[in-house]
């Protein structure tokens, strides 16, 4: 498994490329056990159900989740802070609402990350 964590403030995008697993192998993404006064949030982004589980298919399988540990009571929803799109086998585009676009490729020995500091509006 190759994993990448992209962080901006308290928000993380956790991406995992599972290789060599038997088709049908179950995958589960978890977060933190939050202490009193804190709230742990995990939201599916790619390849995961609302229960944060997925199943490996034939070949490589890509999974991603949005994660945050916060003490804020009325924080902006994770989906409004960052979006994640699968672009191909082992490739993601991450768009931060107030920041760069990041392209991630997990399909080789390790990971390649390309940050686009400016992007067109829209």
PDB file of N, CA and C in Angstrom:
ATOM      1  N   UNK A   1       0.857  -1.164   0.000  1.00  0.00           N
ATOM      2  CA  UNK A   1       0.000   0.000   0.000  1.00  0.00           C
ATOM      3  C   UNK A   1       0.906   1.231   0.000  1.00  0.00           C
ATOM      4  N   UNK A   2       0.535   2.188  -0.846  1.00  0.00           N
ATOM      5  CA  UNK A   2       1.202   3.478  -0.879  1.00  0.00           C
ATOM      6  C   UNK A   2       0.204   4.510  -0.380  1.00  0.00           C
ATOM      7  N   UNK A   3       0.626   5.344   0.581  1.00  0.00           N
ATOM      8  CA  UNK A   3      -0.271   6.332   1.170  1.00  0.00           C
ATOM      9  C   UNK A   3       0.330   7.720   1.098  1.00  0.00           C
ATOM     10  N   UNK A   4      -0.557   8.707   0.967  1.00  0.00           N
ATOM     11  CA  UNK A   4      -0.168  10.119   0.979  1.00  0.00           C
ATOM     12  C   UNK A   4      -1.174  10.853   1.853  1.00  0.00           C
ATOM     13  N   UNK A   5      -0.667  11.767   2.677  1.00  0.00           N
ATOM     14  CA  UNK A   5      -1.529  12.649   3.452  1.00  0.00           C
ATOM     15  C   UNK A   5      -1.180  14.077   3.052  1.00  0.00           C
ATOM     16  N   UNK A   6      -2.193  14.807   2.543  1.00  0.00           N
ATOM     17  CA  UNK A   6      -2.043  16.221   2.230  1.00  0.00           C
ATOM     18  C   UNK A   6      -2.789  16.988   3.313  1.00  0.00           C
ATOM     19  N   UNK A   7      -2.160  17.996   3.899  1.00  0.00           N
ATOM     20  CA  UNK A   7      -2.796  18.748   4.978  1.00  0.00           C
ATOM     21  C   UNK A   7      -2.774  20.235   4.678  1.00  0.00           C
ATOM     22  N   UNK A   8      -3.866  20.884   5.054  1.00  0.00           N
ATOM     23  CA  UNK A   8      -3.976  22.336   4.955  1.00  0.00           C
ATOM     24  C   UNK A   8      -4.761  22.768   6.192  1.00  0.00           C
ATOM     25  N   UNK A   9      -4.080  23.408   7.134  1.00  0.00           N
ATOM     26  CA  UNK A   9      -4.709  23.711   8.408  1.00  0.00           C
ATOM     27  C   UNK A   9      -5.046  22.412   9.113  1.00  0.00           C
ATOM     28  N   UNK A  10      -6.262  22.312   9.626  1.00  0.00           N
ATOM     29  CA  UNK A  10      -6.689  21.113  10.344  1.00  0.00           C
ATOM     30  C   UNK A  10      -7.241  20.029   9.419  1.00  0.00           C
ATOM     31  N   UNK A  11      -7.374  20.331   8.121  1.00  0.00           N
ATOM     32  CA  UNK A  11      -7.997  19.389   7.176  1.00  0.00           C
ATOM     33  C   UNK A  11      -6.922  18.556   6.479  1.00  0.00           C
ATOM     34  N   UNK A  12      -7.203  17.264   6.378  1.00  0.00           N
ATOM     35  CA  UNK A  12      -6.310  16.341   5.688  1.00  0.00           C
ATOM     36  C   UNK A  12      -7.052  15.613   4.576  1.00  0.00           C
ATOM     37  N   UNK A  13      -6.332  15.310   3.508  1.00  0.00           N
ATOM     38  CA  UNK A  13      -6.789  14.364   2.499  1.00  0.00           C
ATOM     39  C   UNK A  13      -5.860  13.170   2.637  1.00  0.00           C
ATOM     40  N   UNK A  14      -6.436  12.027   2.954  1.00  0.00           N
ATOM     41  CA  UNK A  14      -5.661  10.792   3.077  1.00  0.00           C
ATOM     42  C   UNK A  14      -5.985   9.902   1.892  1.00  0.00           C
ATOM     43  N   UNK A  15      -4.957   9.580   1.112  1.00  0.00           N
ATOM     44  CA  UNK A  15      -5.133   8.755  -0.087  1.00  0.00           C
ATOM     45  C   UNK A  15      -4.300   7.484   0.053  1.00  0.00           C
ATOM     46  N   UNK A  16      -4.883   6.361  -0.380  1.00  0.00           N
ATOM     47  CA  UNK A  16      -4.227   5.069  -0.256  1.00  0.00           C
ATOM     48  C   UNK A  16      -4.413   4.285  -1.556  1.00  0.00           C
ATOM     49  N   UNK A  17      -3.313   3.823  -2.128  1.00  0.00           N
ATOM     50  CA  UNK A  17      -3.363   2.950  -3.300  1.00  0.00           C
ATOM     51  C   UNK A  17      -2.972   1.552  -2.842  1.00  0.00           C
ATOM     52  N   UNK A  18      -3.915   0.619  -2.942  1.00  0.00           N
ATOM     53  CA  UNK A  18      -3.682  -0.763  -2.526  1.00  0.00           C
ATOM     54  C   UNK A  18      -3.318  -1.570  -3.761  1.00  0.00           C
ATOM     55  N   UNK A  19      -2.163  -2.210  -3.722  1.00  0.00           N
ATOM     56  CA  UNK A  19      -1.704  -3.030  -4.839  1.00  0.00           C
ATOM     57  C   UNK A  19      -1.472  -4.464  -4.356  1.00  0.00           C
ATOM     58  N   UNK A  20      -1.745  -5.412  -5.225  1.00  0.00           N
ATOM     59  CA  UNK A  20      -1.464  -6.809  -4.913  1.00  0.00           C
ATOM     60  C   UNK A  20      -2.477  -7.484  -4.007  1.00  0.00           C
ATOM     61  N   UNK A  21      -3.558  -6.818  -3.667  1.00  0.00           N
ATOM     62  CA  UNK A  21      -4.588  -7.445  -2.822  1.00  0.00           C
ATOM     63  C   UNK A  21      -5.523  -8.281  -3.690  1.00  0.00           C
ATOM     64  N   UNK A  22      -6.049  -9.324  -3.128  1.00  0.00           N
ATOM     65  CA  UNK A  22      -7.027 -10.151  -3.826  1.00  0.00           C
ATOM     66  C   UNK A  22      -8.291  -9.329  -4.080  1.00  0.00           C
ATOM     67  N   UNK A  23      -8.901  -9.449  -5.252  1.00  0.00           N
ATOM     68  CA  UNK A  23     -10.179  -8.776  -5.481  1.00  0.00           C
ATOM     69  C   UNK A  23     -11.175  -9.172  -4.390  1.00  0.00           C
ATOM     70  N   UNK A  24     -11.904  -8.191  -3.881  1.00  0.00           N
ATOM     71  CA  UNK A  24     -12.862  -8.435  -2.815  1.00  0.00           C
ATOM     72  C   UNK A  24     -12.313  -8.164  -1.426  1.00  0.00           C
ATOM     73  N   UNK A  25     -11.000  -7.871  -1.337  1.00  0.00           N
ATOM     74  CA  UNK A  25     -10.413  -7.561  -0.035  1.00  0.00           C
ATOM     75  C   UNK A  25     -11.038  -6.279   0.506  1.00  0.00           C
ATOM     76  N   UNK A  26     -11.511  -6.334   1.747  1.00  0.00           N
ATOM     77  CA  UNK A  26     -12.163  -5.177   2.374  1.00  0.00           C
ATOM     78  C   UNK A  26     -11.128  -4.169   2.866  1.00  0.00           C
ATOM     79  N   UNK A  27     -11.498  -2.895   2.749  1.00  0.00           N
ATOM     80  CA  UNK A  27     -10.662  -1.785   3.203  1.00  0.00           C
ATOM     81  C   UNK A  27     -11.524  -0.903   4.096  1.00  0.00           C
ATOM     82  N   UNK A  28     -10.938  -0.390   5.178  1.00  0.00           N
ATOM     83  CA  UNK A  28     -11.655   0.529   6.067  1.00  0.00           C
ATOM     84  C   UNK A  28     -10.714   1.666   6.439  1.00  0.00           C
ATOM     85  N   UNK A  29     -11.220   2.894   6.360  1.00  0.00           N
ATOM     86  CA  UNK A  29     -10.446   4.077   6.740  1.00  0.00           C
ATOM     87  C   UNK A  29     -10.985   4.573   8.067  1.00  0.00           C
ATOM     88  N   UNK A  30     -10.083   4.908   8.991  1.00  0.00           N
ATOM     89  CA  UNK A  30     -10.492   5.404  10.301  1.00  0.00           C
ATOM     90  C   UNK A  30      -9.816   6.740  10.590  1.00  0.00           C
ATOM     91  N   UNK A  31     -10.243   7.371  11.652  1.00  0.00           N
ATOM     92  CA  UNK A  31      -9.667   8.651  12.073  1.00  0.00           C
ATOM     93  C   UNK A  31      -9.071   8.533  13.457  1.00  0.00           C
ATOM     94  N   UNK A  32      -9.357   9.501  14.293  1.00  0.00           N
ATOM     95  CA  UNK A  32      -8.814   9.530  15.647  1.00  0.00           C
ATOM     96  C   UNK A  32      -9.901   9.215  16.660  1.00  0.00           C
ATOM     97  N   UNK A  33      -9.476   8.831  17.859  1.00  0.00           N
ATOM     98  CA  UNK A  33     -10.369   8.785  19.014  1.00  0.00           C
ATOM     99  C   UNK A  33     -10.229  10.160  19.666  1.00  0.00           C
ATOM    100  N   UNK A  34     -11.242  11.003  19.508  1.00  0.00           N
ATOM    101  CA  UNK A  34     -11.162  12.387  19.952  1.00  0.00           C
ATOM    102  C   UNK A  34     -11.334  12.512  21.462  1.00  0.00           C
ATOM    103  N   UNK A  35     -10.487  13.320  22.069  1.00  0.00           N
ATOM    104  CA  UNK A  35     -10.595  13.619  23.497  1.00  0.00           C
ATOM    105  C   UNK A  35     -11.768  14.562  23.731  1.00  0.00           C
ATOM    106  N   UNK A  36     -12.155  14.713  24.967  1.00  0.00           N
ATOM    107  CA  UNK A  36     -13.263  15.598  25.313  1.00  0.00           C
ATOM    108  C   UNK A  36     -12.990  17.015  24.795  1.00  0.00           C
ATOM    109  N   UNK A  37     -14.004  17.615  24.201  1.00  0.00           N
ATOM    110  CA  UNK A  37     -13.869  18.958  23.642  1.00  0.00           C
ATOM    111  C   UNK A  37     -13.388  18.981  22.201  1.00  0.00           C
ATOM    112  N   UNK A  38     -13.046  17.822  21.650  1.00  0.00           N
ATOM    113  CA  UNK A  38     -12.602  17.731  20.261  1.00  0.00           C
ATOM    114  C   UNK A  38     -13.577  16.861  19.482  1.00  0.00           C
ATOM    115  N   UNK A  39     -13.587  17.076  18.174  1.00  0.00           N
ATOM    116  CA  UNK A  39     -14.447  16.298  17.291  1.00  0.00           C
ATOM    117  C   UNK A  39     -13.609  15.770  16.128  1.00  0.00           C
ATOM    118  N   UNK A  40     -13.650  14.462  15.920  1.00  0.00           N
ATOM    119  CA  UNK A  40     -12.956  13.842  14.792  1.00  0.00           C
ATOM    120  C   UNK A  40     -13.968  13.638  13.678  1.00  0.00           C
ATOM    121  N   UNK A  41     -13.617  14.076  12.473  1.00  0.00           N
ATOM    122  CA  UNK A  41     -14.492  13.935  11.311  1.00  0.00           C
ATOM    123  C   UNK A  41     -13.758  13.159  10.231  1.00  0.00           C
ATOM    124  N   UNK A  42     -14.449  12.228   9.610  1.00  0.00           N
ATOM    125  CA  UNK A  42     -13.914  11.485   8.469  1.00  0.00           C
ATOM    126  C   UNK A  42     -15.034  11.384   7.454  1.00  0.00           C
ATOM    127  N   UNK A  43     -14.734  11.752   6.210  1.00  0.00           N
ATOM    128  CA  UNK A  43     -15.730  11.751   5.147  1.00  0.00           C
ATOM    129  C   UNK A  43     -15.160  11.043   3.923  1.00  0.00           C
ATOM    130  N   UNK A  44     -15.932  10.156   3.281  1.00  0.00           N
ATOM    131  CA  UNK A  44     -15.426   9.459   2.092  1.00  0.00           C
ATOM    132  C   UNK A  44     -15.236  10.419   0.923  1.00  0.00           C
ATOM    133  N   UNK A  45     -14.181  10.191   0.139  1.00  0.00           N
ATOM    134  CA  UNK A  45     -13.930  11.033  -1.032  1.00  0.00           C
ATOM    135  C   UNK A  45     -13.835  10.201  -2.318  1.00  0.00           C
ATOM    136  N   UNK A  46     -13.079   9.106  -2.298  1.00  0.00           N
ATOM    137  CA  UNK A  46     -12.908   8.254  -3.481  1.00  0.00           C
ATOM    138  C   UNK A  46     -12.896   6.794  -3.048  1.00  0.00           C
ATOM    139  N   UNK A  47     -13.749   5.975  -3.666  1.00  0.00           N
ATOM    140  CA  UNK A  47     -13.710   4.533  -3.477  1.00  0.00           C
ATOM    141  C   UNK A  47     -14.263   4.016  -2.160  1.00  0.00           C
ATOM    142  N   UNK A  48     -14.844   4.897  -1.347  1.00  0.00           N
ATOM    143  CA  UNK A  48     -15.346   4.504  -0.028  1.00  0.00           C
ATOM    144  C   UNK A  48     -16.840   4.759   0.081  1.00  0.00           C
ATOM    145  N   UNK A  49     -17.512   3.925   0.858  1.00  0.00           N
ATOM    146  CA  UNK A  49     -18.936   4.126   1.138  1.00  0.00           C
ATOM    147  C   UNK A  49     -19.084   5.158   2.255  1.00  0.00           C
ATOM    148  N   UNK A  50     -20.320   5.510   2.562  1.00  0.00           N
ATOM    149  CA  UNK A  50     -20.578   6.425   3.671  1.00  0.00           C
ATOM    150  C   UNK A  50     -20.089   5.847   4.998  1.00  0.00           C
ATOM    151  N   UNK A  51     -19.948   4.527   5.073  1.00  0.00           N
ATOM    152  CA  UNK A  51     -19.445   3.867   6.280  1.00  0.00           C
ATOM    153  C   UNK A  51     -17.919   3.795   6.281  1.00  0.00           C
ATOM    154  N   UNK A  52     -17.284   4.443   5.285  1.00  0.00           N
ATOM    155  CA  UNK A  52     -15.826   4.515   5.159  1.00  0.00           C
ATOM    156  C   UNK A  52     -15.189   3.167   4.883  1.00  0.00           C
ATOM    157  N   UNK A  53     -15.911   2.321   4.150  1.00  0.00           N
ATOM    158  CA  UNK A  53     -15.363   1.036   3.748  1.00  0.00           C
ATOM    159  C   UNK A  53     -15.338   0.959   2.223  1.00  0.00           C
ATOM    160  N   UNK A  54     -14.459   0.127   1.727  1.00  0.00           N
ATOM    161  CA  UNK A  54     -14.360  -0.104   0.295  1.00  0.00           C
ATOM    162  C   UNK A  54     -13.928  -1.531   0.039  1.00  0.00           C
ATOM    163  N   UNK A  55     -13.870  -1.900  -1.229  1.00  0.00           N
ATOM    164  CA  UNK A  55     -13.480  -3.254  -1.617  1.00  0.00           C
ATOM    165  C   UNK A  55     -12.486  -3.144  -2.763  1.00  0.00           C
ATOM    166  N   UNK A  56     -11.402  -3.873  -2.651  1.00  0.00           N
ATOM    167  CA  UNK A  56     -10.402  -3.882  -3.713  1.00  0.00           C
ATOM    168  C   UNK A  56     -10.956  -4.600  -4.938  1.00  0.00           C
ATOM    169  N   UNK A  57     -10.650  -4.055  -6.105  1.00  0.00           N
ATOM    170  CA  UNK A  57     -11.050  -4.668  -7.359  1.00  0.00           C
ATOM    171  C   UNK A  57      -9.875  -5.368  -8.002  1.00  0.00           C
ATOM    172  N   UNK A  58     -10.010  -5.643  -9.294  1.00  0.00           N
ATOM    173  CA  UNK A  58      -8.900  -6.212 -10.064  1.00  0.00           C
ATOM    174  C   UNK A  58      -7.823  -5.145 -10.192  1.00  0.00           C
ATOM    175  N   UNK A  59      -6.587  -5.500 -10.002  1.00  0.00           N
ATOM    176  CA  UNK A  59      -5.500  -4.530 -10.129  1.00  0.00           C
ATOM    177  C   UNK A  59      -5.446  -3.591  -8.938  1.00  0.00           C
ATOM    178  N   UNK A  60      -4.856  -2.418  -9.157  1.00  0.00           N
ATOM    179  CA  UNK A  60      -4.687  -1.437  -8.083  1.00  0.00           C
ATOM    180  C   UNK A  60      -6.027  -0.795  -7.732  1.00  0.00           C
ATOM    181  N   UNK A  61      -6.224  -0.480  -6.445  1.00  0.00           N
ATOM    182  CA  UNK A  61      -7.463   0.140  -5.972  1.00  0.00           C
ATOM    183  C   UNK A  61      -7.126   1.401  -5.182  1.00  0.00           C
ATOM    184  N   UNK A  62      -7.801   2.496  -5.524  1.00  0.00           N
ATOM    185  CA  UNK A  62      -7.543   3.794  -4.922  1.00  0.00           C
ATOM    186  C   UNK A  62      -8.671   4.176  -3.970  1.00  0.00           C
ATOM    187  N   UNK A  63      -8.292   4.643  -2.780  1.00  0.00           N
ATOM    188  CA  UNK A  63      -9.245   5.087  -1.771  1.00  0.00           C
ATOM    189  C   UNK A  63      -8.765   6.420  -1.212  1.00  0.00           C
ATOM    190  N   UNK A  64      -9.705   7.317  -0.899  1.00  0.00           N
ATOM    191  CA  UNK A  64      -9.332   8.604  -0.296  1.00  0.00           C
ATOM    192  C   UNK A  64     -10.439   9.063   0.641  1.00  0.00           C
ATOM    193  N   UNK A  65     -10.021   9.766   1.693  1.00  0.00           N
ATOM    194  CA  UNK A  65     -10.968  10.301   2.674  1.00  0.00           C
ATOM    195  C   UNK A  65     -10.527  11.698   3.087  1.00  0.00           C
ATOM    196  N   UNK A  66     -11.504  12.509   3.496  1.00  0.00           N
ATOM    197  CA  UNK A  66     -11.256  13.823   4.075  1.00  0.00           C
ATOM    198  C   UNK A  66     -11.320  13.661   5.586  1.00  0.00           C
ATOM    199  N   UNK A  67     -10.373  14.253   6.298  1.00  0.00           N
ATOM    200  CA  UNK A  67     -10.260  14.032   7.730  1.00  0.00           C
ATOM    201  C   UNK A  67      -9.956  15.356   8.433  1.00  0.00           C
ATOM    202  N   UNK A  68     -10.541  15.515   9.644  1.00  0.00           N
ATOM    203  CA  UNK A  68     -10.241  16.709  10.438  1.00  0.00           C
ATOM    204  C   UNK A  68     -10.435  16.368  11.916  1.00  0.00           C
ATOM    205  N   UNK A  69      -9.552  16.909  12.741  1.00  0.00           N
ATOM    206  CA  UNK A  69      -9.684  16.880  14.193  1.00  0.00           C
ATOM    207  C   UNK A  69      -9.803  18.330  14.622  1.00  0.00           C
ATOM    208  N   UNK A  70     -10.932  18.693  15.240  1.00  0.00           N
ATOM    209  CA  UNK A  70     -11.181  20.099  15.535  1.00  0.00           C
ATOM    210  C   UNK A  70     -11.874  20.283  16.879  1.00  0.00           C
ATOM    211  N   UNK A  71     -11.687  21.437  17.445  1.00  0.00           N
ATOM    212  CA  UNK A  71     -12.396  21.843  18.641  1.00  0.00           C
ATOM    213  C   UNK A  71     -13.459  22.878  18.321  1.00  0.00           C
ATOM    214  N   UNK A  72     -13.543  23.281  17.046  1.00  0.00           N
ATOM    215  CA  UNK A  72     -14.545  24.263  16.615  1.00  0.00           C
ATOM    216  C   UNK A  72     -15.934  23.634  16.630  1.00  0.00           C
ATOM    217  N   UNK A  73     -16.893  24.364  17.186  1.00  0.00           N
ATOM    218  CA  UNK A  73     -18.263  23.843  17.227  1.00  0.00           C
ATOM    219  C   UNK A  73     -18.970  23.977  15.888  1.00  0.00           C
ATOM    220  N   UNK A  74     -18.787  25.084  15.201  1.00  0.00           N
ATOM    221  CA  UNK A  74     -19.473  25.339  13.927  1.00  0.00           C
ATOM    222  C   UNK A  74     -18.470  25.463  12.790  1.00  0.00           C
ATOM    223  N   UNK A  75     -17.709  24.416  12.524  1.00  0.00           N
ATOM    224  CA  UNK A  75     -16.704  24.472  11.467  1.00  0.00           C
ATOM    225  C   UNK A  75     -17.358  24.289  10.100  1.00  0.00           C
ATOM    226  N   UNK A  76     -16.706  24.816   9.086  1.00  0.00           N
ATOM    227  CA  UNK A  76     -17.165  24.679   7.700  1.00  0.00           C
ATOM    228  C   UNK A  76     -17.131  23.191   7.335  1.00  0.00           C
ATOM    229  N   UNK A  77     -18.161  22.673   6.666  1.00  0.00           N
ATOM    230  CA  UNK A  77     -18.151  21.252   6.271  1.00  0.00           C
ATOM    231  C   UNK A  77     -16.913  20.902   5.431  1.00  0.00           C
ATOM    232  N   UNK A  78     -16.392  19.718   5.645  1.00  0.00           N
ATOM    233  CA  UNK A  78     -15.185  19.280   4.938  1.00  0.00           C
ATOM    234  C   UNK A  78     -15.325  19.404   3.428  1.00  0.00           C
ATOM    235  N   UNK A  79     -16.473  19.014   2.878  1.00  0.00           N
ATOM    236  CA  UNK A  79     -16.688  19.054   1.437  1.00  0.00           C
ATOM    237  C   UNK A  79     -16.663  20.444   0.844  1.00  0.00           C
ATOM    238  N   UNK A  80     -16.807  21.463   1.671  1.00  0.00           N
ATOM    239  CA  UNK A  80     -16.709  22.839   1.195  1.00  0.00           C
ATOM    240  C   UNK A  80     -15.279  23.366   1.269  1.00  0.00           C
ATOM    241  N   UNK A  81     -14.424  22.671   1.992  1.00  0.00           N
ATOM    242  CA  UNK A  81     -13.034  23.111   2.152  1.00  0.00           C
ATOM    243  C   UNK A  81     -12.085  22.502   1.133  1.00  0.00           C
ATOM    244  N   UNK A  82     -12.433  21.288   0.668  1.00  0.00           N
ATOM    245  CA  UNK A  82     -11.558  20.584  -0.263  1.00  0.00           C
ATOM    246  C   UNK A  82     -12.390  19.595  -1.069  1.00  0.00           C
ATOM    247  N   UNK A  83     -12.015  19.420  -2.338  1.00  0.00           N
ATOM    248  CA  UNK A  83     -12.645  18.395  -3.163  1.00  0.00           C
ATOM    249  C   UNK A  83     -11.558  17.479  -3.715  1.00  0.00           C
ATOM    250  N   UNK A  84     -11.933  16.242  -3.936  1.00  0.00           N
ATOM    251  CA  UNK A  84     -10.993  15.235  -4.428  1.00  0.00           C
ATOM    252  C   UNK A  84     -11.641  14.515  -5.599  1.00  0.00           C
ATOM    253  N   UNK A  85     -10.877  14.358  -6.679  1.00  0.00           N
ATOM    254  CA  UNK A  85     -11.370  13.677  -7.876  1.00  0.00           C
ATOM    255  C   UNK A  85     -10.333  12.642  -8.315  1.00  0.00           C
ATOM    256  N   UNK A  86     -10.779  11.419  -8.575  1.00  0.00           N
ATOM    257  CA  UNK A  86      -9.905  10.397  -9.145  1.00  0.00           C
ATOM    258  C   UNK A  86      -9.755  10.679 -10.629  1.00  0.00           C
ATOM    259  N   UNK A  87      -8.531  10.698 -11.119  1.00  0.00           N
ATOM    260  CA  UNK A  87      -8.264  11.005 -12.517  1.00  0.00           C
ATOM    261  C   UNK A  87      -7.767   9.817 -13.322  1.00  0.00           C
ATOM    262  N   UNK A  88      -7.554   8.727 -12.690  1.00  0.00           N
ATOM    263  CA  UNK A  88      -7.054   7.549 -13.374  1.00  0.00           C
ATOM    264  C   UNK A  88      -6.515   6.593 -12.337  1.00  0.00           C
ATOM    265  N   UNK A  89      -5.886   5.544 -12.807  1.00  0.00           N
ATOM    266  CA  UNK A  89      -5.342   4.545 -11.891  1.00  0.00           C
ATOM    267  C   UNK A  89      -4.281   5.184 -10.993  1.00  0.00           C
ATOM    268  N   UNK A  90      -4.590   5.309  -9.727  1.00  0.00           N
ATOM    269  CA  UNK A  90      -3.624   5.853  -8.774  1.00  0.00           C
ATOM    270  C   UNK A  90      -3.406   7.344  -8.865  1.00  0.00           C
ATOM    271  N   UNK A  91      -4.317   8.085  -9.513  1.00  0.00           N
ATOM    272  CA  UNK A  91      -4.126   9.530  -9.662  1.00  0.00           C
ATOM    273  C   UNK A  91      -5.319  10.309  -9.130  1.00  0.00           C
ATOM    274  N   UNK A  92      -5.019  11.397  -8.418  1.00  0.00           N
ATOM    275  CA  UNK A  92      -6.036  12.259  -7.833  1.00  0.00           C
ATOM    276  C   UNK A  92      -5.744  13.716  -8.138  1.00  0.00           C
ATOM    277  N   UNK A  93      -6.805  14.519  -8.182  1.00  0.00           N
ATOM    278  CA  UNK A  93      -6.669  15.968  -8.172  1.00  0.00           C
ATOM    279  C   UNK A  93      -7.370  16.450  -6.917  1.00  0.00           C
ATOM    280  N   UNK A  94      -6.658  17.236  -6.110  1.00  0.00           N
ATOM    281  CA  UNK A  94      -7.178  17.788  -4.865  1.00  0.00           C
ATOM    282  C   UNK A  94      -7.260  19.289  -5.047  1.00  0.00           C
ATOM    283  N   UNK A  95      -8.444  19.859  -4.807  1.00  0.00           N
ATOM    284  CA  UNK A  95      -8.633  21.308  -4.913  1.00  0.00           C
ATOM    285  C   UNK A  95      -9.031  21.861  -3.560  1.00  0.00           C
ATOM    286  N   UNK A  96      -8.161  22.685  -3.001  1.00  0.00           N
ATOM    287  CA  UNK A  96      -8.447  23.359  -1.740  1.00  0.00           C
ATOM    288  C   UNK A  96      -9.270  24.604  -2.046  1.00  0.00           C
ATOM    289  N   UNK A  97     -10.309  24.871  -1.262  1.00  0.00           N
ATOM    290  CA  UNK A  97     -11.170  26.023  -1.531  1.00  0.00           C
ATOM    291  C   UNK A  97     -10.395  27.331  -1.442  1.00  0.00           C
ATOM    292  N   UNK A  98      -9.440  27.404  -0.565  1.00  0.00           N
ATOM    293  CA  UNK A  98      -8.612  28.604  -0.435  1.00  0.00           C
ATOM    294  C   UNK A  98      -7.152  28.197  -0.517  1.00  0.00           C
ATOM    295  N   UNK A  99      -6.765  27.740  -1.676  1.00  0.00           N
ATOM    296  CA  UNK A  99      -5.388  27.305  -1.833  1.00  0.00           C
ATOM    297  C   UNK A  99      -5.159  26.668  -3.179  1.00  0.00           C
ATOM    298  N   UNK A 100      -4.068  25.940  -3.268  1.00  0.00           N
ATOM    299  CA  UNK A 100      -3.661  25.389  -4.567  1.00  0.00           C
ATOM    300  C   UNK A 100      -4.446  24.158  -4.981  1.00  0.00           C
ATOM    301  N   UNK A 101      -4.278  23.828  -6.258  1.00  0.00           N
ATOM    302  CA  UNK A 101      -4.717  22.540  -6.777  1.00  0.00           C
ATOM    303  C   UNK A 101      -3.500  21.627  -6.705  1.00  0.00           C
ATOM    304  N   UNK A 102      -3.706  20.405  -6.270  1.00  0.00           N
ATOM    305  CA  UNK A 102      -2.600  19.465  -6.102  1.00  0.00           C
ATOM    306  C   UNK A 102      -2.924  18.200  -6.881  1.00  0.00           C
ATOM    307  N   UNK A 103      -1.966  17.754  -7.694  1.00  0.00           N
ATOM    308  CA  UNK A 103      -2.121  16.488  -8.406  1.00  0.00           C
ATOM    309  C   UNK A 103      -1.220  15.461  -7.741  1.00  0.00           C
ATOM    310  N   UNK A 104      -1.804  14.305  -7.463  1.00  0.00           N
ATOM    311  CA  UNK A 104      -1.094  13.242  -6.767  1.00  0.00           C
ATOM    312  C   UNK A 104      -1.109  11.998  -7.632  1.00  0.00           C
ATOM    313  N   UNK A 105       0.062  11.394  -7.809  1.00  0.00           N
ATOM    314  CA  UNK A 105       0.176  10.130  -8.525  1.00  0.00           C
ATOM    315  C   UNK A 105       0.809   9.115  -7.576  1.00  0.00           C
ATOM    316  N   UNK A 106       0.049   8.062  -7.288  1.00  0.00           N
ATOM    317  CA  UNK A 106       0.526   7.015  -6.385  1.00  0.00           C
ATOM    318  C   UNK A 106       0.936   5.762  -7.140  1.00  0.00           C
ATOM    319  N   UNK A 107       1.036   5.842  -8.462  1.00  0.00           N
ATOM    320  CA  UNK A 107       1.219   4.650  -9.278  1.00  0.00           C
ATOM    321  C   UNK A 107       2.631   4.220  -9.544  1.00  0.00           C
ATOM    322  N   UNK A 108       3.600   4.635  -8.799  1.00  0.00           N
ATOM    323  CA  UNK A 108       4.970   4.212  -9.051  1.00  0.00           C
ATOM    324  C   UNK A 108       5.625   3.817  -7.750  1.00  0.00           C
ATOM    325  N   UNK A 109       6.933   3.815  -7.743  1.00  0.00           N
ATOM    326  CA  UNK A 109       7.617   3.538  -6.473  1.00  0.00           C
ATOM    327  C   UNK A 109       7.530   4.796  -5.600  1.00  0.00           C
ATOM    328  N   UNK A 110       6.533   4.850  -4.737  1.00  0.00           N
ATOM    329  CA  UNK A 110       6.313   6.047  -3.928  1.00  0.00           C
ATOM    330  C   UNK A 110       5.212   6.882  -4.539  1.00  0.00           C
ATOM    331  N   UNK A 111       5.283   8.181  -4.290  1.00  0.00           N
ATOM    332  CA  UNK A 111       4.237   9.084  -4.773  1.00  0.00           C
ATOM    333  C   UNK A 111       4.869  10.317  -5.392  1.00  0.00           C
ATOM    334  N   UNK A 112       4.172  10.890  -6.365  1.00  0.00           N
ATOM    335  CA  UNK A 112       4.591  12.142  -6.979  1.00  0.00           C
ATOM    336  C   UNK A 112       3.490  13.162  -6.713  1.00  0.00           C
ATOM    337  N   UNK A 113       3.892  14.353  -6.241  1.00  0.00           N
ATOM    338  CA  UNK A 113       2.936  15.405  -5.919  1.00  0.00           C
ATOM    339  C   UNK A 113       3.326  16.664  -6.682  1.00  0.00           C
ATOM    340  N   UNK A 114       2.351  17.225  -7.412  1.00  0.00           N
ATOM    341  CA  UNK A 114       2.576  18.456  -8.171  1.00  0.00           C
ATOM    342  C   UNK A 114       1.587  19.495  -7.666  1.00  0.00           C
ATOM    343  N   UNK A 115       2.092  20.647  -7.211  1.00  0.00           N
ATOM    344  CA  UNK A 115       1.248  21.714  -6.681  1.00  0.00           C
ATOM    345  C   UNK A 115       1.142  22.815  -7.713  1.00  0.00           C
ATOM    346  N   UNK A 116      -0.090  23.174  -8.074  1.00  0.00           N
ATOM    347  CA  UNK A 116      -0.368  24.278  -8.978  1.00  0.00           C
ATOM    348  C   UNK A 116      -0.771  25.460  -8.113  1.00  0.00           C
ATOM    349  N   UNK A 117       0.127  26.399  -7.886  1.00  0.00           N
ATOM    350  CA  UNK A 117      -0.150  27.504  -6.974  1.00  0.00           C
ATOM    351  C   UNK A 117      -1.282  28.408  -7.436  1.00  0.00           C
ATOM    352  N   UNK A 118      -1.389  28.642  -8.736  1.00  0.00           N
ATOM    353  CA  UNK A 118      -2.491  29.465  -9.227  1.00  0.00           C
ATOM    354  C   UNK A 118      -3.308  28.640 -10.196  1.00  0.00           C
ATOM    355  N   UNK A 119      -4.615  28.836 -10.133  1.00  0.00           N
ATOM    356  CA  UNK A 119      -5.495  28.108 -11.029  1.00  0.00           C
ATOM    357  C   UNK A 119      -6.568  29.052 -11.510  1.00  0.00           C
ATOM    358  N   UNK A 120      -7.143  28.773 -12.651  1.00  0.00           N
ATOM    359  CA  UNK A 120      -8.198  29.643 -13.168  1.00  0.00           C
ATOM    360  C   UNK A 120      -9.400  29.662 -12.236  1.00  0.00           C
ATOM    361  N   UNK A 121     -10.043  30.795 -12.159  1.00  0.00           N
ATOM    362  CA  UNK A 121     -11.260  30.908 -11.335  1.00  0.00           C
ATOM    363  C   UNK A 121     -12.367  30.079 -11.942  1.00  0.00           C
ATOM    364  N   UNK A 122     -13.260  29.577 -11.076  1.00  0.00           N
ATOM    365  CA  UNK A 122     -14.399  28.819 -11.594  1.00  0.00           C
ATOM    366  C   UNK A 122     -14.543  27.574 -10.966  1.00  0.00           C
TER     367      UNK A 122
END
